[in-house]
Amino acid sequence: MAGAWQVIRRWRPAQRVALQGRVAYVADGASGLTVVDLNSPRQPVTLGSYPTASAARDVAVADSLVLIAVANADAILLRESRK
């Protein structure tokens, strides 16, 4: 990857990220799931979050479904509802 890169924002401890369009779903460790709007990459906006009992380790997105794998070996299936 040639060129210079500028760090705009960091999520720690991000375990995995799934993208759907310009929305990022971040498996955010002990913070659970964080959903971020990347329409304006220089000013990402947190759209929401979902706390998990154990650390969120992985995430997958398909249409309005979000699957989160957590550290206690559970999987959580969410259906996203838009207002």
Protein backbone atom coordinates (compact mmCIF):
# COMPACT_ATOMS: atom_id res chain seq x y z
CA MET A 1 0.00 0.00 0.00
CA ALA A 2 1.74 3.09 -1.23
CA GLY A 3 1.11 6.56 0.08
CA ALA A 4 0.68 8.14 3.46
CA TRP A 5 -2.01 7.04 5.89
CA GLN A 6 -3.68 9.16 8.54
CA VAL A 7 -5.27 7.57 11.62
CA ILE A 8 -8.74 9.05 11.95
CA ARG A 9 -9.98 7.05 14.94
CA ARG A 10 -9.14 3.83 16.75
CA TRP A 11 -11.40 1.30 18.39
CA ARG A 12 -9.68 -0.73 21.05
CA PRO A 13 -9.65 -3.62 21.53
CA ALA A 14 -11.37 -4.32 18.19
CA GLN A 15 -11.37 -8.06 17.54
CA ARG A 16 -13.09 -8.15 14.12
CA VAL A 17 -14.90 -5.75 11.79
CA ALA A 18 -17.68 -6.47 9.29
CA LEU A 19 -18.66 -3.88 6.69
CA GLN A 20 -22.06 -3.45 5.11
CA GLY A 21 -22.00 -0.50 2.75
CA ARG A 22 -20.58 2.39 4.74
CA VAL A 23 -21.50 0.94 8.12
CA ALA A 24 -18.90 -0.91 10.20
CA TYR A 25 -19.87 -3.48 12.82
CA VAL A 26 -17.01 -3.75 15.32
CA ALA A 27 -16.61 -6.73 17.66
CA ASP A 28 -15.24 -4.50 20.36
CA GLY A 29 -14.03 -6.93 23.02
CA ALA A 30 -15.46 -6.24 26.48
CA SER A 31 -17.51 -3.34 25.09
CA GLY A 32 -19.60 -5.74 22.97
CA LEU A 33 -20.71 -4.63 19.52
CA THR A 34 -20.22 -1.07 18.24
CA VAL A 35 -21.91 0.12 15.04
CA VAL A 36 -20.20 2.99 13.20
CA ASP A 37 -21.36 5.15 10.26
CA LEU A 38 -18.45 5.76 7.88
CA ASN A 39 -20.29 8.05 5.44
CA SER A 40 -17.91 10.82 6.42
CA PRO A 41 -14.63 8.94 6.99
CA ARG A 42 -12.94 11.92 8.63
CA GLN A 43 -15.76 12.07 11.19
CA PRO A 44 -17.07 8.54 11.86
CA VAL A 45 -20.26 8.50 13.93
CA THR A 46 -21.18 5.81 16.44
CA LEU A 47 -24.72 4.74 15.57
CA GLY A 48 -25.20 2.42 18.51
CA SER A 49 -23.89 -0.47 20.50
CA TYR A 50 -24.96 -3.77 22.00
CA PRO A 51 -23.34 -4.88 25.27
CA THR A 52 -22.40 -8.54 25.58
CA ALA A 53 -21.91 -10.52 28.80
CA SER A 54 -18.54 -11.79 27.54
CA ALA A 55 -16.08 -10.14 25.18
CA ALA A 56 -17.25 -9.89 21.56
CA ARG A 57 -14.69 -11.77 19.43
CA ASP A 58 -16.19 -11.88 15.93
CA VAL A 59 -19.08 -10.42 13.94
CA ALA A 60 -20.86 -11.20 10.68
CA VAL A 61 -23.60 -9.20 8.95
CA ALA A 62 -26.19 -10.24 6.36
CA ASP A 63 -28.98 -7.82 5.49
CA SER A 64 -30.61 -6.91 8.83
CA LEU A 65 -29.06 -9.82 10.78
CA VAL A 66 -25.96 -9.45 12.93
CA LEU A 67 -24.23 -12.51 14.42
CA ILE A 68 -21.80 -11.95 17.29
CA ALA A 69 -19.44 -14.64 18.61
CA VAL A 70 -18.51 -14.00 22.23
CA ALA A 71 -15.72 -15.32 24.47
CA ASN A 72 -17.89 -17.68 26.52
CA ALA A 73 -18.54 -19.68 23.29
CA ASP A 74 -22.05 -18.25 22.83
CA ALA A 75 -23.31 -16.78 19.61
CA ILE A 76 -25.84 -13.93 19.66
CA LEU A 77 -28.11 -13.30 16.69
CA LEU A 78 -29.59 -9.81 16.44
CA ARG A 79 -32.05 -8.37 13.97
CA GLU A 80 -31.30 -4.72 13.32
CA SER A 81 -34.33 -2.46 13.39
CA ARG A 82 -34.07 0.95 11.74
CA LYS A 83 -36.18 3.78 13.07
